[in-house]
Amino acid sequence: MSDVPIDEEIGFSTLTTLSRCPACHAPDLEVILDGTGVNFYCTSCTRCWHLELNRVIRVDPATCSGCVHTCACTERFAADHDSAPIDA
């Protein structure tokens, strides 16, 4: 099954789901409904993703109140952004 189904009638691809994590490529994605949309939580690397405007976007866990994975996701998000250079 492809991540990018082709719409024959209008002739372009639309990203509608993920089958693998964009970061670690594991197929271990859990669908998370946040009340307004769908996110994809990777149980292997604890990163969370969202599809918007045909793009895969990393979810900022600060926007996910009430999610059962917020603690693990927040720790991973902080660790990933800890190594980013700090602007002087």
C-alpha atoms as a PDB file:
ATOM      1  CA  MET A   1       0.000   0.000   0.000  1.00  0.00           C
ATOM      2  CA  SER A   2       1.396   3.377  -1.004  1.00  0.00           C
ATOM      3  CA  ASP A   3       1.604   6.428   1.259  1.00  0.00           C
ATOM      4  CA  VAL A   4       0.705   8.630  -1.702  1.00  0.00           C
ATOM      5  CA  PRO A   5      -2.492   7.555  -3.477  1.00  0.00           C
ATOM      6  CA  ILE A   6      -3.005   8.999  -6.949  1.00  0.00           C
ATOM      7  CA  ASP A   7      -6.240  10.817  -7.662  1.00  0.00           C
ATOM      8  CA  GLU A   8      -6.914   9.791 -11.266  1.00  0.00           C
ATOM      9  CA  GLU A   9      -9.645  12.358 -11.863  1.00  0.00           C
ATOM     10  CA  ILE A  10      -7.662  15.482 -10.999  1.00  0.00           C
ATOM     11  CA  GLY A  11      -4.193  14.080 -11.688  1.00  0.00           C
ATOM     12  CA  PHE A  12      -2.168  14.729  -8.542  1.00  0.00           C
ATOM     13  CA  SER A  13      -1.045  12.839  -5.450  1.00  0.00           C
ATOM     14  CA  THR A  14      -2.454  13.477  -2.006  1.00  0.00           C
ATOM     15  CA  LEU A  15      -0.716  12.322   1.149  1.00  0.00           C
ATOM     16  CA  THR A  16      -3.407  10.869   3.409  1.00  0.00           C
ATOM     17  CA  THR A  17      -1.605   8.488   5.787  1.00  0.00           C
ATOM     18  CA  LEU A  18       1.819   7.339   6.894  1.00  0.00           C
ATOM     19  CA  SER A  19       2.977   3.734   6.818  1.00  0.00           C
ATOM     20  CA  ARG A  20       6.443   4.419   8.287  1.00  0.00           C
ATOM     21  CA  CYS A  21       7.973   7.005  10.587  1.00  0.00           C
ATOM     22  CA  PRO A  22       9.753   9.752   8.618  1.00  0.00           C
ATOM     23  CA  ALA A  23      12.587   9.825  11.197  1.00  0.00           C
ATOM     24  CA  CYS A  24      13.383   6.186  12.051  1.00  0.00           C
ATOM     25  CA  HIS A  25      11.449   4.448   9.243  1.00  0.00           C
ATOM     26  CA  ALA A  26       9.759   2.035  11.652  1.00  0.00           C
ATOM     27  CA  PRO A  27       6.255   0.876  10.736  1.00  0.00           C
ATOM     28  CA  ASP A  28       5.165   1.244  14.374  1.00  0.00           C
ATOM     29  CA  LEU A  29       2.815   4.219  14.029  1.00  0.00           C
ATOM     30  CA  GLU A  30      -0.171   4.713  16.283  1.00  0.00           C
ATOM     31  CA  VAL A  31      -2.994   6.922  15.051  1.00  0.00           C
ATOM     32  CA  ILE A  32      -3.778   9.665  17.578  1.00  0.00           C
ATOM     33  CA  LEU A  33      -7.003  11.652  17.271  1.00  0.00           C
ATOM     34  CA  ASP A  34      -6.527  15.066  18.877  1.00  0.00           C
ATOM     35  CA  GLY A  35     -10.092  16.319  18.528  1.00  0.00           C
ATOM     36  CA  THR A  36      -9.417  18.427  15.439  1.00  0.00           C
ATOM     37  CA  GLY A  37      -7.165  16.166  13.384  1.00  0.00           C
ATOM     38  CA  VAL A  38      -5.047  13.048  13.174  1.00  0.00           C
ATOM     39  CA  ASN A  39      -1.466  12.637  14.329  1.00  0.00           C
ATOM     40  CA  PHE A  40       0.838   9.625  13.934  1.00  0.00           C
ATOM     41  CA  TYR A  41       2.890   8.634  17.007  1.00  0.00           C
ATOM     42  CA  CYS A  42       5.899   6.378  16.441  1.00  0.00           C
ATOM     43  CA  THR A  43       6.178   3.882  19.269  1.00  0.00           C
ATOM     44  CA  SER A  44       9.765   3.101  18.228  1.00  0.00           C
ATOM     45  CA  CYS A  45      11.336   6.579  18.419  1.00  0.00           C
ATOM     46  CA  THR A  46       8.577   8.467  20.334  1.00  0.00           C
ATOM     47  CA  ARG A  47       8.223  11.200  17.694  1.00  0.00           C
ATOM     48  CA  CYS A  48       4.812  12.398  16.569  1.00  0.00           C
ATOM     49  CA  TRP A  49       3.826  13.540  13.073  1.00  0.00           C
ATOM     50  CA  HIS A  50       0.962  15.375  11.417  1.00  0.00           C
ATOM     51  CA  LEU A  51      -0.057  15.598   7.758  1.00  0.00           C
ATOM     52  CA  GLU A  52      -0.976  19.053   6.536  1.00  0.00           C
ATOM     53  CA  LEU A  53      -1.191  20.516   3.042  1.00  0.00           C
ATOM     54  CA  ASN A  54       0.425  17.379   1.608  1.00  0.00           C
ATOM     55  CA  ARG A  55       3.441  17.719   3.958  1.00  0.00           C
ATOM     56  CA  VAL A  56       4.633  15.712   6.958  1.00  0.00           C
ATOM     57  CA  ILE A  57       5.153  18.015   9.951  1.00  0.00           C
ATOM     58  CA  ARG A  58       6.687  17.175  13.334  1.00  0.00           C
ATOM     59  CA  VAL A  59       4.161  17.733  16.111  1.00  0.00           C
ATOM     60  CA  ASP A  60       5.163  20.039  18.965  1.00  0.00           C
ATOM     61  CA  PRO A  61       3.995  18.126  22.064  1.00  0.00           C
ATOM     62  CA  ALA A  62       3.098  21.428  23.759  1.00  0.00           C
ATOM     63  CA  THR A  63       0.058  21.459  21.432  1.00  0.00           C
ATOM     64  CA  CYS A  64      -1.146  18.003  22.538  1.00  0.00           C
ATOM     65  CA  SER A  65      -2.980  18.384  25.806  1.00  0.00           C
ATOM     66  CA  GLY A  66      -4.454  15.143  27.054  1.00  0.00           C
ATOM     67  CA  CYS A  67      -2.454  12.756  24.853  1.00  0.00           C
ATOM     68  CA  VAL A  68      -1.230   9.637  26.675  1.00  0.00           C
ATOM     69  CA  HIS A  69       2.161   9.948  24.943  1.00  0.00           C
ATOM     70  CA  THR A  70       2.837  13.585  25.886  1.00  0.00           C
ATOM     71  CA  CYS A  71       5.573  12.763  28.426  1.00  0.00           C
ATOM     72  CA  ALA A  72       7.655  10.524  26.097  1.00  0.00           C
ATOM     73  CA  CYS A  73       6.997  12.788  23.124  1.00  0.00           C
ATOM     74  CA  THR A  74       8.029  15.897  25.108  1.00  0.00           C
ATOM     75  CA  GLU A  75      11.283  14.258  26.246  1.00  0.00           C
ATOM     76  CA  ARG A  76      12.151  13.243  22.662  1.00  0.00           C
ATOM     77  CA  PHE A  77      11.224  16.671  21.278  1.00  0.00           C
ATOM     78  CA  ALA A  78      13.455  18.375  23.867  1.00  0.00           C
ATOM     79  CA  ALA A  79      16.341  15.982  23.186  1.00  0.00           C
ATOM     80  CA  ASP A  80      16.049  16.534  19.430  1.00  0.00           C
ATOM     81  CA  HIS A  81      16.073  20.309  19.864  1.00  0.00           C
ATOM     82  CA  ASP A  82      18.754  20.342  22.576  1.00  0.00           C
ATOM     83  CA  SER A  83      21.529  19.980  20.021  1.00  0.00           C
ATOM     84  CA  ALA A  84      20.272  22.882  17.908  1.00  0.00           C
ATOM     85  CA  PRO A  85      22.572  25.919  17.829  1.00  0.00           C
ATOM     86  CA  ILE A  86      21.522  28.790  20.055  1.00  0.00           C
ATOM     87  CA  ASP A  87      21.256  32.204  18.392  1.00  0.00           C
ATOM     88  CA  ALA A  88      23.414  34.815  20.108  1.00  0.00           C
END
